[in-house]
C-alpha atoms as a PDB file:
ATOM      1  CA  UNK A   1      47.530  30.780   9.071  1.00  0.00           C
ATOM      2  CA  UNK A   2      48.161  32.524  12.390  1.00  0.00           C
ATOM      3  CA  UNK A   3      51.730  32.225  13.672  1.00  0.00           C
ATOM      4  CA  UNK A   4      51.034  31.105  17.233  1.00  0.00           C
ATOM      5  CA  UNK A   5      52.429  28.503  19.620  1.00  0.00           C
ATOM      6  CA  UNK A   6      55.850  28.239  17.989  1.00  0.00           C
ATOM      7  CA  UNK A   7      59.297  29.264  19.258  1.00  0.00           C
ATOM      8  CA  UNK A   8      60.145  32.951  18.694  1.00  0.00           C
ATOM      9  CA  UNK A   9      62.912  32.223  16.176  1.00  0.00           C
ATOM     10  CA  UNK A  10      60.452  30.244  14.010  1.00  0.00           C
ATOM     11  CA  UNK A  11      57.672  32.798  14.431  1.00  0.00           C
ATOM     12  CA  UNK A  12      60.069  35.507  13.226  1.00  0.00           C
ATOM     13  CA  UNK A  13      60.852  33.591  10.042  1.00  0.00           C
ATOM     14  CA  UNK A  14      57.193  32.785   9.332  1.00  0.00           C
ATOM     15  CA  UNK A  15      56.113  36.390   9.957  1.00  0.00           C
ATOM     16  CA  UNK A  16      58.848  37.640   7.643  1.00  0.00           C
ATOM     17  CA  UNK A  17      57.808  35.111   5.025  1.00  0.00           C
ATOM     18  CA  UNK A  18      54.151  36.197   5.093  1.00  0.00           C
ATOM     19  CA  UNK A  19      54.804  39.948   5.238  1.00  0.00           C
ATOM     20  CA  UNK A  20      57.671  40.265   2.742  1.00  0.00           C
ATOM     21  CA  UNK A  21      56.855  37.735   0.052  1.00  0.00           C
ATOM     22  CA  UNK A  22      56.453  39.444  -3.352  1.00  0.00           C
ATOM     23  CA  UNK A  23      53.511  37.168  -4.088  1.00  0.00           C
ATOM     24  CA  UNK A  24      50.629  35.861  -2.014  1.00  0.00           C
ATOM     25  CA  UNK A  25      52.112  32.872  -0.242  1.00  0.00           C
ATOM     26  CA  UNK A  26      50.007  30.640   1.994  1.00  0.00           C
ATOM     27  CA  UNK A  27      51.258  28.553   4.926  1.00  0.00           C
ATOM     28  CA  UNK A  28      48.711  25.766   4.996  1.00  0.00           C
ATOM     29  CA  UNK A  29      49.966  23.520   7.787  1.00  0.00           C
ATOM     30  CA  UNK A  30      52.852  22.820  10.162  1.00  0.00           C
ATOM     31  CA  UNK A  31      53.848  19.479  11.614  1.00  0.00           C
ATOM     32  CA  UNK A  32      55.386  18.009  14.728  1.00  0.00           C
ATOM     33  CA  UNK A  33      56.459  19.928  17.786  1.00  0.00           C
ATOM     34  CA  UNK A  34      59.330  17.409  18.079  1.00  0.00           C
ATOM     35  CA  UNK A  35      60.722  18.489  14.716  1.00  0.00           C
ATOM     36  CA  UNK A  36      60.535  22.091  15.838  1.00  0.00           C
ATOM     37  CA  UNK A  37      62.545  21.161  18.923  1.00  0.00           C
ATOM     38  CA  UNK A  38      65.143  19.463  16.715  1.00  0.00           C
ATOM     39  CA  UNK A  39      65.527  22.612  14.666  1.00  0.00           C
ATOM     40  CA  UNK A  40      63.445  21.595  11.640  1.00  0.00           C
ATOM     41  CA  UNK A  41      60.557  23.614  10.220  1.00  0.00           C
ATOM     42  CA  UNK A  42      58.214  21.163   8.488  1.00  0.00           C
ATOM     43  CA  UNK A  43      55.409  22.988   6.739  1.00  0.00           C
ATOM     44  CA  UNK A  44      53.132  22.848   3.734  1.00  0.00           C
ATOM     45  CA  UNK A  45      52.898  26.072   1.786  1.00  0.00           C
ATOM     46  CA  UNK A  46      51.482  27.132  -1.538  1.00  0.00           C
ATOM     47  CA  UNK A  47      52.332  29.957  -3.871  1.00  0.00           C
ATOM     48  CA  UNK A  48      50.894  31.163  -7.162  1.00  0.00           C
ATOM     49  CA  UNK A  49      51.821  30.225 -10.722  1.00  0.00           C
ATOM     50  CA  UNK A  50      49.979  31.735 -13.651  1.00  0.00           C
ATOM     51  CA  UNK A  51      50.943  29.127 -16.251  1.00  0.00           C
ATOM     52  CA  UNK A  52      49.789  25.885 -14.641  1.00  0.00           C
ATOM     53  CA  UNK A  53      46.014  25.902 -14.926  1.00  0.00           C
ATOM     54  CA  UNK A  54      43.865  27.173 -17.782  1.00  0.00           C
ATOM     55  CA  UNK A  55      41.322  28.348 -15.166  1.00  0.00           C
ATOM     56  CA  UNK A  56      43.441  31.170 -13.790  1.00  0.00           C
ATOM     57  CA  UNK A  57      46.237  31.592 -11.264  1.00  0.00           C
ATOM     58  CA  UNK A  58      46.756  28.348  -9.367  1.00  0.00           C
ATOM     59  CA  UNK A  59      48.553  27.685  -6.119  1.00  0.00           C
ATOM     60  CA  UNK A  60      51.269  25.035  -6.281  1.00  0.00           C
ATOM     61  CA  UNK A  61      51.532  23.257  -2.952  1.00  0.00           C
ATOM     62  CA  UNK A  62      54.846  21.963  -1.645  1.00  0.00           C
ATOM     63  CA  UNK A  63      55.912  20.442   1.640  1.00  0.00           C
ATOM     64  CA  UNK A  64      59.023  22.243   2.845  1.00  0.00           C
ATOM     65  CA  UNK A  65      61.467  21.008   5.467  1.00  0.00           C
ATOM     66  CA  UNK A  66      63.891  23.657   6.534  1.00  0.00           C
ATOM     67  CA  UNK A  67      66.479  23.985   9.301  1.00  0.00           C
ATOM     68  CA  UNK A  68      65.492  27.094  11.200  1.00  0.00           C
ATOM     69  CA  UNK A  69      68.441  27.574  13.586  1.00  0.00           C
ATOM     70  CA  UNK A  70      69.479  30.785  11.840  1.00  0.00           C
ATOM     71  CA  UNK A  71      68.833  34.189  13.368  1.00  0.00           C
ATOM     72  CA  UNK A  72      68.287  35.934  10.026  1.00  0.00           C
ATOM     73  CA  UNK A  73      64.437  35.951   9.647  1.00  0.00           C
ATOM     74  CA  UNK A  74      64.675  36.394   5.864  1.00  0.00           C
ATOM     75  CA  UNK A  75      66.306  33.033   5.185  1.00  0.00           C
ATOM     76  CA  UNK A  76      63.093  30.981   4.961  1.00  0.00           C
ATOM     77  CA  UNK A  77      61.646  33.386   2.381  1.00  0.00           C
ATOM     78  CA  UNK A  78      64.907  33.293   0.415  1.00  0.00           C
ATOM     79  CA  UNK A  79      64.811  29.497   0.462  1.00  0.00           C
ATOM     80  CA  UNK A  80      61.228  29.349  -0.842  1.00  0.00           C
ATOM     81  CA  UNK A  81      61.904  31.960  -3.521  1.00  0.00           C
ATOM     82  CA  UNK A  82      64.851  29.860  -4.672  1.00  0.00           C
ATOM     83  CA  UNK A  83      62.612  26.784  -4.846  1.00  0.00           C
ATOM     84  CA  UNK A  84      60.143  28.738  -6.974  1.00  0.00           C
ATOM     85  CA  UNK A  85      62.912  29.877  -9.319  1.00  0.00           C
ATOM     86  CA  UNK A  86      64.173  26.300  -9.674  1.00  0.00           C
ATOM     87  CA  UNK A  87      60.675  25.078 -10.506  1.00  0.00           C
ATOM     88  CA  UNK A  88      60.255  27.851 -13.092  1.00  0.00           C
ATOM     89  CA  UNK A  89      63.615  26.951 -14.652  1.00  0.00           C
ATOM     90  CA  UNK A  90      62.539  23.303 -14.786  1.00  0.00           C
ATOM     91  CA  UNK A  91      59.355  24.239 -16.664  1.00  0.00           C
ATOM     92  CA  UNK A  92      61.296  26.514 -19.022  1.00  0.00           C
ATOM     93  CA  UNK A  93      63.607  23.603 -19.867  1.00  0.00           C
ATOM     94  CA  UNK A  94      60.693  21.261 -20.504  1.00  0.00           C
ATOM     95  CA  UNK A  95      59.078  23.765 -22.861  1.00  0.00           C
ATOM     96  CA  UNK A  96      62.404  24.509 -24.529  1.00  0.00           C
ATOM     97  CA  UNK A  97      62.831  20.808 -25.344  1.00  0.00           C
ATOM     98  CA  UNK A  98      59.469  20.652 -27.142  1.00  0.00           C
ATOM     99  CA  UNK A  99      59.890  19.873 -30.843  1.00  0.00           C
ATOM    100  CA  UNK A 100      57.596  22.584 -32.152  1.00  0.00           C
ATOM    101  CA  UNK A 101      58.836  25.389 -34.406  1.00  0.00           C
ATOM    102  CA  UNK A 102      56.027  27.743 -33.437  1.00  0.00           C
ATOM    103  CA  UNK A 103      56.721  27.447 -29.709  1.00  0.00           C
ATOM    104  CA  UNK A 104      60.454  27.908 -30.254  1.00  0.00           C
ATOM    105  CA  UNK A 105      59.776  31.046 -32.312  1.00  0.00           C
ATOM    106  CA  UNK A 106      57.465  32.490 -29.665  1.00  0.00           C
ATOM    107  CA  UNK A 107      60.088  31.930 -26.986  1.00  0.00           C
ATOM    108  CA  UNK A 108      62.743  33.648 -29.093  1.00  0.00           C
ATOM    109  CA  UNK A 109      60.581  36.765 -29.539  1.00  0.00           C
ATOM    110  CA  UNK A 110      59.661  37.029 -25.844  1.00  0.00           C
ATOM    111  CA  UNK A 111      63.046  36.592 -24.148  1.00  0.00           C
ATOM    112  CA  UNK A 112      63.344  40.319 -23.427  1.00  0.00           C
ATOM    113  CA  UNK A 113      60.156  40.425 -21.342  1.00  0.00           C
ATOM    114  CA  UNK A 114      60.584  39.816 -17.624  1.00  0.00           C
ATOM    115  CA  UNK A 115      58.397  37.596 -15.481  1.00  0.00           C
ATOM    116  CA  UNK A 116      57.130  35.222 -18.184  1.00  0.00           C
ATOM    117  CA  UNK A 117      56.017  31.852 -16.865  1.00  0.00           C
ATOM    118  CA  UNK A 118      55.578  28.753 -18.969  1.00  0.00           C
ATOM    119  CA  UNK A 119      54.706  25.119 -18.460  1.00  0.00           C
ATOM    120  CA  UNK A 120      54.168  21.926 -20.418  1.00  0.00           C
ATOM    121  CA  UNK A 121      51.098  19.860 -19.671  1.00  0.00           C
ATOM    122  CA  UNK A 122      50.170  16.456 -20.989  1.00  0.00           C
ATOM    123  CA  UNK A 123      47.849  13.597 -20.181  1.00  0.00           C
ATOM    124  CA  UNK A 124      46.858  10.161 -21.307  1.00  0.00           C
ATOM    125  CA  UNK A 125      43.716  11.325 -23.089  1.00  0.00           C
ATOM    126  CA  UNK A 126      44.651  14.863 -24.085  1.00  0.00           C
ATOM    127  CA  UNK A 127      47.382  16.293 -26.332  1.00  0.00           C
ATOM    128  CA  UNK A 128      50.395  18.135 -25.038  1.00  0.00           C
ATOM    129  CA  UNK A 129      49.984  21.851 -24.528  1.00  0.00           C
ATOM    130  CA  UNK A 130      52.411  24.641 -23.831  1.00  0.00           C
ATOM    131  CA  UNK A 131      51.073  27.403 -21.589  1.00  0.00           C
ATOM    132  CA  UNK A 132      52.638  30.858 -21.464  1.00  0.00           C
ATOM    133  CA  UNK A 133      51.690  33.448 -18.849  1.00  0.00           C
ATOM    134  CA  UNK A 134      52.882  36.882 -19.960  1.00  0.00           C
ATOM    135  CA  UNK A 135      52.698  39.728 -17.401  1.00  0.00           C
ATOM    136  CA  UNK A 136      51.165  42.878 -18.845  1.00  0.00           C
ATOM    137  CA  UNK A 137      51.963  46.557 -18.184  1.00  0.00           C
ATOM    138  CA  UNK A 138      55.202  48.001 -16.849  1.00  0.00           C
ATOM    139  CA  UNK A 139      53.311  50.454 -14.634  1.00  0.00           C
ATOM    140  CA  UNK A 140      52.388  49.412 -11.093  1.00  0.00           C
ATOM    141  CA  UNK A 141      48.639  48.886 -10.749  1.00  0.00           C
ATOM    142  CA  UNK A 142      48.917  49.456  -6.990  1.00  0.00           C
ATOM    143  CA  UNK A 143      50.055  53.060  -7.441  1.00  0.00           C
ATOM    144  CA  UNK A 144      47.011  53.813  -9.604  1.00  0.00           C
ATOM    145  CA  UNK A 145      44.526  53.105  -6.774  1.00  0.00           C
ATOM    146  CA  UNK A 146      44.157  55.861  -4.122  1.00  0.00           C
ATOM    147  CA  UNK A 147      44.620  54.402  -0.640  1.00  0.00           C
ATOM    148  CA  UNK A 148      45.677  51.072  -2.147  1.00  0.00           C
ATOM    149  CA  UNK A 149      45.192  48.271   0.441  1.00  0.00           C
ATOM    150  CA  UNK A 150      47.216  45.590  -1.382  1.00  0.00           C
ATOM    151  CA  UNK A 151      50.508  44.457   0.103  1.00  0.00           C
ATOM    152  CA  UNK A 152      51.672  42.499  -2.950  1.00  0.00           C
ATOM    153  CA  UNK A 153      51.892  43.991  -6.426  1.00  0.00           C
ATOM    154  CA  UNK A 154      48.804  43.155  -8.441  1.00  0.00           C
ATOM    155  CA  UNK A 155      49.408  41.506 -11.799  1.00  0.00           C
ATOM    156  CA  UNK A 156      47.482  40.823 -14.979  1.00  0.00           C
ATOM    157  CA  UNK A 157      48.677  38.054 -17.268  1.00  0.00           C
ATOM    158  CA  UNK A 158      47.810  36.974 -20.750  1.00  0.00           C
ATOM    159  CA  UNK A 159      47.655  33.205 -20.738  1.00  0.00           C
ATOM    160  CA  UNK A 160      48.450  31.754 -24.167  1.00  0.00           C
ATOM    161  CA  UNK A 161      47.945  28.044 -24.788  1.00  0.00           C
ATOM    162  CA  UNK A 162      49.437  26.305 -27.814  1.00  0.00           C
ATOM    163  CA  UNK A 163      48.540  22.711 -28.723  1.00  0.00           C
ATOM    164  CA  UNK A 164      51.555  20.565 -29.631  1.00  0.00           C
ATOM    165  CA  UNK A 165      51.907  17.879 -32.271  1.00  0.00           C
ATOM    166  CA  UNK A 166      49.700  19.194 -35.092  1.00  0.00           C
ATOM    167  CA  UNK A 167      52.345  19.579 -37.780  1.00  0.00           C
ATOM    168  CA  UNK A 168      49.973  18.500 -40.527  1.00  0.00           C
ATOM    169  CA  UNK A 169      48.155  21.841 -40.351  1.00  0.00           C
ATOM    170  CA  UNK A 170      48.950  24.110 -43.324  1.00  0.00           C
ATOM    171  CA  UNK A 171      48.307  27.246 -41.255  1.00  0.00           C
ATOM    172  CA  UNK A 172      48.570  27.302 -37.456  1.00  0.00           C
ATOM    173  CA  UNK A 173      45.361  28.138 -35.666  1.00  0.00           C
ATOM    174  CA  UNK A 174      45.112  30.938 -33.136  1.00  0.00           C
ATOM    175  CA  UNK A 175      46.160  29.898 -29.618  1.00  0.00           C
ATOM    176  CA  UNK A 176      43.664  29.879 -26.783  1.00  0.00           C
ATOM    177  CA  UNK A 177      43.823  33.225 -25.005  1.00  0.00           C
ATOM    178  CA  UNK A 178      42.663  34.250 -21.565  1.00  0.00           C
ATOM    179  CA  UNK A 179      43.318  37.161 -19.234  1.00  0.00           C
ATOM    180  CA  UNK A 180      43.965  36.198 -15.607  1.00  0.00           C
ATOM    181  CA  UNK A 181      44.879  38.291 -12.599  1.00  0.00           C
ATOM    182  CA  UNK A 182      45.910  38.085  -8.995  1.00  0.00           C
ATOM    183  CA  UNK A 183      42.769  37.465  -6.886  1.00  0.00           C
ATOM    184  CA  UNK A 184      42.811  40.782  -5.002  1.00  0.00           C
ATOM    185  CA  UNK A 185      42.434  42.742  -8.235  1.00  0.00           C
ATOM    186  CA  UNK A 186      38.806  41.597  -8.397  1.00  0.00           C
ATOM    187  CA  UNK A 187      38.081  44.359  -5.854  1.00  0.00           C
ATOM    188  CA  UNK A 188      38.771  46.901  -8.599  1.00  0.00           C
ATOM    189  CA  UNK A 189      37.399  45.225 -11.727  1.00  0.00           C
ATOM    190  CA  UNK A 190      37.103  41.846 -13.426  1.00  0.00           C
ATOM    191  CA  UNK A 191      39.528  40.997 -16.219  1.00  0.00           C
ATOM    192  CA  UNK A 192      36.768  38.835 -17.679  1.00  0.00           C
ATOM    193  CA  UNK A 193      35.020  42.068 -18.709  1.00  0.00           C
ATOM    194  CA  UNK A 194      37.907  43.018 -21.000  1.00  0.00           C
ATOM    195  CA  UNK A 195      37.304  42.157 -24.646  1.00  0.00           C
ATOM    196  CA  UNK A 196      40.449  40.663 -26.119  1.00  0.00           C
ATOM    197  CA  UNK A 197      41.679  41.986 -29.485  1.00  0.00           C
ATOM    198  CA  UNK A 198      41.390  39.585 -32.408  1.00  0.00           C
ATOM    199  CA  UNK A 199      44.368  37.317 -33.040  1.00  0.00           C
ATOM    200  CA  UNK A 200      45.011  37.666 -36.765  1.00  0.00           C
ATOM    201  CA  UNK A 201      46.341  34.885 -39.001  1.00  0.00           C
ATOM    202  CA  UNK A 202      50.102  34.560 -38.796  1.00  0.00           C
ATOM    203  CA  UNK A 203      50.328  36.680 -35.650  1.00  0.00           C
ATOM    204  CA  UNK A 204      52.831  36.095 -32.868  1.00  0.00           C
ATOM    205  CA  UNK A 205      52.687  37.240 -29.242  1.00  0.00           C
ATOM    206  CA  UNK A 206      55.142  40.092 -29.810  1.00  0.00           C
ATOM    207  CA  UNK A 207      52.712  41.563 -32.367  1.00  0.00           C
ATOM    208  CA  UNK A 208      49.608  40.888 -30.309  1.00  0.00           C
ATOM    209  CA  UNK A 209      50.681  42.323 -26.959  1.00  0.00           C
ATOM    210  CA  UNK A 210      50.931  46.108 -27.681  1.00  0.00           C
ATOM    211  CA  UNK A 211      47.245  46.461 -28.631  1.00  0.00           C
ATOM    212  CA  UNK A 212      46.213  44.257 -25.702  1.00  0.00           C
ATOM    213  CA  UNK A 213      48.251  46.261 -23.200  1.00  0.00           C
ATOM    214  CA  UNK A 214      46.691  49.483 -24.473  1.00  0.00           C
ATOM    215  CA  UNK A 215      43.225  47.966 -23.972  1.00  0.00           C
ATOM    216  CA  UNK A 216      44.070  46.755 -20.457  1.00  0.00           C
ATOM    217  CA  UNK A 217      45.568  50.131 -19.520  1.00  0.00           C
ATOM    218  CA  UNK A 218      42.381  51.924 -20.586  1.00  0.00           C
ATOM    219  CA  UNK A 219      40.257  49.445 -18.615  1.00  0.00           C
ATOM    220  CA  UNK A 220      42.264  50.017 -15.450  1.00  0.00           C
ATOM    221  CA  UNK A 221      42.103  53.803 -15.784  1.00  0.00           C
ATOM    222  CA  UNK A 222      38.351  53.610 -16.299  1.00  0.00           C
ATOM    223  CA  UNK A 223      37.951  51.306 -13.284  1.00  0.00           C
ATOM    224  CA  UNK A 224      39.922  53.730 -11.104  1.00  0.00           C
ATOM    225  CA  UNK A 225      37.855  56.693 -12.328  1.00  0.00           C
ATOM    226  CA  UNK A 226      34.633  54.820 -11.496  1.00  0.00           C
ATOM    227  CA  UNK A 227      35.728  54.599  -7.862  1.00  0.00           C
ATOM    228  CA  UNK A 228      35.208  58.363  -7.682  1.00  0.00           C
ATOM    229  CA  UNK A 229      31.778  58.076  -9.302  1.00  0.00           C
ATOM    230  CA  UNK A 230      30.693  55.467  -6.748  1.00  0.00           C
ATOM    231  CA  UNK A 231      32.126  57.519  -3.895  1.00  0.00           C
ATOM    232  CA  UNK A 232      30.132  60.585  -4.948  1.00  0.00           C
ATOM    233  CA  UNK A 233      26.975  58.464  -5.051  1.00  0.00           C
ATOM    234  CA  UNK A 234      27.590  57.084  -1.537  1.00  0.00           C
ATOM    235  CA  UNK A 235      28.181  60.614  -0.268  1.00  0.00           C
ATOM    236  CA  UNK A 236      24.743  61.567  -1.644  1.00  0.00           C
ATOM    237  CA  UNK A 237      22.841  58.770   0.117  1.00  0.00           C
ATOM    238  CA  UNK A 238      22.969  60.236   3.684  1.00  0.00           C
ATOM    239  CA  UNK A 239      20.649  63.050   2.534  1.00  0.00           C
ATOM    240  CA  UNK A 240      17.882  60.420   2.463  1.00  0.00           C
ATOM    241  CA  UNK A 241      19.134  57.625   4.742  1.00  0.00           C
ATOM    242  CA  UNK A 242      21.322  59.298   7.333  1.00  0.00           C
ATOM    243  CA  UNK A 243      24.940  58.483   8.011  1.00  0.00           C
ATOM    244  CA  UNK A 244      25.915  54.947   6.895  1.00  0.00           C
ATOM    245  CA  UNK A 245      26.734  52.338   9.522  1.00  0.00           C
ATOM    246  CA  UNK A 246      29.578  51.214   7.297  1.00  0.00           C
ATOM    247  CA  UNK A 247      30.861  51.954   3.822  1.00  0.00           C
ATOM    248  CA  UNK A 248      33.697  50.644   1.677  1.00  0.00           C
ATOM    249  CA  UNK A 249      36.239  53.511   1.879  1.00  0.00           C
ATOM    250  CA  UNK A 250      38.617  52.306  -0.846  1.00  0.00           C
ATOM    251  CA  UNK A 251      36.647  50.831  -3.747  1.00  0.00           C
ATOM    252  CA  UNK A 252      33.218  52.216  -2.711  1.00  0.00           C
ATOM    253  CA  UNK A 253      31.374  49.014  -3.598  1.00  0.00           C
ATOM    254  CA  UNK A 254      29.085  48.819  -0.555  1.00  0.00           C
ATOM    255  CA  UNK A 255      27.265  50.974   1.975  1.00  0.00           C
ATOM    256  CA  UNK A 256      24.927  49.898   4.783  1.00  0.00           C
ATOM    257  CA  UNK A 257      22.276  52.098   6.412  1.00  0.00           C
ATOM    258  CA  UNK A 258      19.901  51.673   9.347  1.00  0.00           C
ATOM    259  CA  UNK A 259      16.348  52.547   8.287  1.00  0.00           C
ATOM    260  CA  UNK A 260      13.104  52.737  10.289  1.00  0.00           C
ATOM    261  CA  UNK A 261       9.527  52.636   9.103  1.00  0.00           C
ATOM    262  CA  UNK A 262       7.555  53.361  12.248  1.00  0.00           C
ATOM    263  CA  UNK A 263       8.751  50.829  14.833  1.00  0.00           C
ATOM    264  CA  UNK A 264      10.034  48.467  12.145  1.00  0.00           C
ATOM    265  CA  UNK A 265      13.815  48.864  11.913  1.00  0.00           C
ATOM    266  CA  UNK A 266      15.971  47.203   9.304  1.00  0.00           C
ATOM    267  CA  UNK A 267      19.298  47.463   7.515  1.00  0.00           C
ATOM    268  CA  UNK A 268      19.695  48.356   3.866  1.00  0.00           C
ATOM    269  CA  UNK A 269      22.762  46.946   2.130  1.00  0.00           C
ATOM    270  CA  UNK A 270      23.523  48.873  -1.056  1.00  0.00           C
ATOM    271  CA  UNK A 271      25.876  46.874  -3.284  1.00  0.00           C
ATOM    272  CA  UNK A 272      27.301  48.988  -6.076  1.00  0.00           C
ATOM    273  CA  UNK A 273      28.488  47.171  -9.224  1.00  0.00           C
ATOM    274  CA  UNK A 274      31.703  47.922 -11.099  1.00  0.00           C
ATOM    275  CA  UNK A 275      29.715  49.344 -14.016  1.00  0.00           C
ATOM    276  CA  UNK A 276      27.744  51.859 -11.938  1.00  0.00           C
ATOM    277  CA  UNK A 277      25.917  53.977 -13.042  1.00  0.00           C
ATOM    278  CA  UNK A 278      25.263  51.896 -16.180  1.00  0.00           C
ATOM    279  CA  UNK A 279      24.197  49.140 -13.780  1.00  0.00           C
ATOM    280  CA  UNK A 280      22.075  50.051 -10.792  1.00  0.00           C
ATOM    281  CA  UNK A 281      22.899  49.119  -7.192  1.00  0.00           C
ATOM    282  CA  UNK A 282      21.654  45.850  -5.750  1.00  0.00           C
ATOM    283  CA  UNK A 283      19.554  46.350  -2.609  1.00  0.00           C
ATOM    284  CA  UNK A 284      19.260  43.796   0.190  1.00  0.00           C
ATOM    285  CA  UNK A 285      17.114  44.405   3.272  1.00  0.00           C
ATOM    286  CA  UNK A 286      18.013  42.799   6.589  1.00  0.00           C
ATOM    287  CA  UNK A 287      15.941  42.935   9.741  1.00  0.00           C
ATOM    288  CA  UNK A 288      17.561  43.984  12.988  1.00  0.00           C
ATOM    289  CA  UNK A 289      14.652  42.472  14.993  1.00  0.00           C
ATOM    290  CA  UNK A 290      13.673  39.216  13.261  1.00  0.00           C
ATOM    291  CA  UNK A 291      15.656  35.976  13.092  1.00  0.00           C
ATOM    292  CA  UNK A 292      14.971  32.603  11.527  1.00  0.00           C
ATOM    293  CA  UNK A 293      15.087  29.281  13.377  1.00  0.00           C
ATOM    294  CA  UNK A 294      18.888  29.144  12.936  1.00  0.00           C
ATOM    295  CA  UNK A 295      19.276  32.532  14.610  1.00  0.00           C
ATOM    296  CA  UNK A 296      20.212  34.266  11.363  1.00  0.00           C
ATOM    297  CA  UNK A 297      18.721  37.723  10.664  1.00  0.00           C
ATOM    298  CA  UNK A 298      15.951  37.629   8.068  1.00  0.00           C
ATOM    299  CA  UNK A 299      17.054  39.059   4.724  1.00  0.00           C
ATOM    300  CA  UNK A 300      15.202  39.915   1.569  1.00  0.00           C
ATOM    301  CA  UNK A 301      16.042  38.654  -1.874  1.00  0.00           C
ATOM    302  CA  UNK A 302      18.440  40.854  -3.820  1.00  0.00           C
ATOM    303  CA  UNK A 303      16.589  43.639  -5.616  1.00  0.00           C
ATOM    304  CA  UNK A 304      18.034  44.857  -8.901  1.00  0.00           C
ATOM    305  CA  UNK A 305      14.895  45.482 -10.960  1.00  0.00           C
ATOM    306  CA  UNK A 306      13.515  48.922 -10.156  1.00  0.00           C
ATOM    307  CA  UNK A 307      13.235  52.246 -12.029  1.00  0.00           C
ATOM    308  CA  UNK A 308      16.698  53.464 -12.983  1.00  0.00           C
ATOM    309  CA  UNK A 309      18.496  55.662 -15.462  1.00  0.00           C
ATOM    310  CA  UNK A 310      22.290  56.153 -15.602  1.00  0.00           C
ATOM    311  CA  UNK A 311      21.616  59.698 -16.799  1.00  0.00           C
ATOM    312  CA  UNK A 312      20.031  60.768 -13.512  1.00  0.00           C
ATOM    313  CA  UNK A 313      21.955  62.959 -11.108  1.00  0.00           C
ATOM    314  CA  UNK A 314      23.196  61.114  -7.979  1.00  0.00           C
ATOM    315  CA  UNK A 315      20.573  62.899  -5.856  1.00  0.00           C
ATOM    316  CA  UNK A 316      17.812  61.640  -8.167  1.00  0.00           C
ATOM    317  CA  UNK A 317      19.224  58.102  -7.966  1.00  0.00           C
ATOM    318  CA  UNK A 318      19.232  58.237  -4.169  1.00  0.00           C
ATOM    319  CA  UNK A 319      15.693  59.625  -4.128  1.00  0.00           C
ATOM    320  CA  UNK A 320      14.423  56.813  -6.371  1.00  0.00           C
ATOM    321  CA  UNK A 321      16.045  54.189  -4.166  1.00  0.00           C
ATOM    322  CA  UNK A 322      14.411  55.794  -1.149  1.00  0.00           C
ATOM    323  CA  UNK A 323      11.028  55.525  -2.908  1.00  0.00           C
ATOM    324  CA  UNK A 324      11.678  51.840  -3.661  1.00  0.00           C
ATOM    325  CA  UNK A 325      12.395  51.138   0.003  1.00  0.00           C
ATOM    326  CA  UNK A 326       9.216  52.922   1.127  1.00  0.00           C
ATOM    327  CA  UNK A 327       7.279  50.683  -1.239  1.00  0.00           C
ATOM    328  CA  UNK A 328       9.101  47.477  -0.262  1.00  0.00           C
ATOM    329  CA  UNK A 329       9.149  48.061   3.490  1.00  0.00           C
ATOM    330  CA  UNK A 330       5.632  46.641   4.230  1.00  0.00           C
ATOM    331  CA  UNK A 331       6.349  43.554   2.119  1.00  0.00           C
ATOM    332  CA  UNK A 332       9.621  42.942   3.913  1.00  0.00           C
ATOM    333  CA  UNK A 333       7.977  43.399   7.309  1.00  0.00           C
ATOM    334  CA  UNK A 334       5.441  40.742   6.328  1.00  0.00           C
ATOM    335  CA  UNK A 335       8.239  38.375   5.335  1.00  0.00           C
ATOM    336  CA  UNK A 336       9.942  38.949   8.698  1.00  0.00           C
ATOM    337  CA  UNK A 337       6.768  38.225  10.676  1.00  0.00           C
ATOM    338  CA  UNK A 338       6.112  35.053   8.692  1.00  0.00           C
ATOM    339  CA  UNK A 339       9.671  33.860   9.318  1.00  0.00           C
ATOM    340  CA  UNK A 340       9.133  34.104  13.092  1.00  0.00           C
ATOM    341  CA  UNK A 341       5.849  32.164  12.929  1.00  0.00           C
ATOM    342  CA  UNK A 342       7.396  29.184  11.142  1.00  0.00           C
END
């Protein structure tokens, strides 16, 4: 949300809130110019919790009313952080009151770890569940990425879900496990690609986490090293395609070139997957001269099936892509001409 059209004292607090929050906070809406005149900020904001949803990090939305007639711009952020802490403490108390020996034991073994979130969920047609979200790695992920663009610290959590109320079981089953991360981390790699270690019978989280953290650390280091591999490949492409119009300078996931075949000029978008060179780039052609009836430039379907070997040198990879484009150029020109005639 852009901070515009509000008194300077309010704009200062909102700007401070958005630029200094340790997590990715969102100001969704503000109400009533009259309330602003009376000294009351009335806004709806959302901020992330890792233990609420089993589908990943969710944003909990609250409507906040706050007296803004204070010159210190940090006070609104302090107020919201306090609200978040109170909500976390409320969830901790709810989980702590659960009559389940396994949950109580897990809590007792994890008290020394900072940043753990937990929640208790229940419904009419589903059993109670306790969800833990355990932050992984003491090392800052941000410092591992050259030229890191992230303002907030990126986090990876292990979400552990225990069903409640199954005391008849002779041996407790393994909890449901899932890795989740802050959304921006998807620019570097996907936590869904990490294979979780096996949860052995009788295991607890304190025993499970060391092997998992070692696996996650290796995955991050590999993902960072692959940035350099992709960068070297992009630096090879101009030999065949000329200087790129644009290229992703941080994660090196995309490069776009202007290509001409006679008088037919088109763009080539080269989308480079995380697992390059094991996986080949996806190529999309886009005309700079042909538009459909909605005024949108004509684009080809994504091309990912063409001759490729991860063992080739980057120059050979670029040469093979160049050959593919020479072959596909007449077909794409035909598609562009047909789009105009419709």
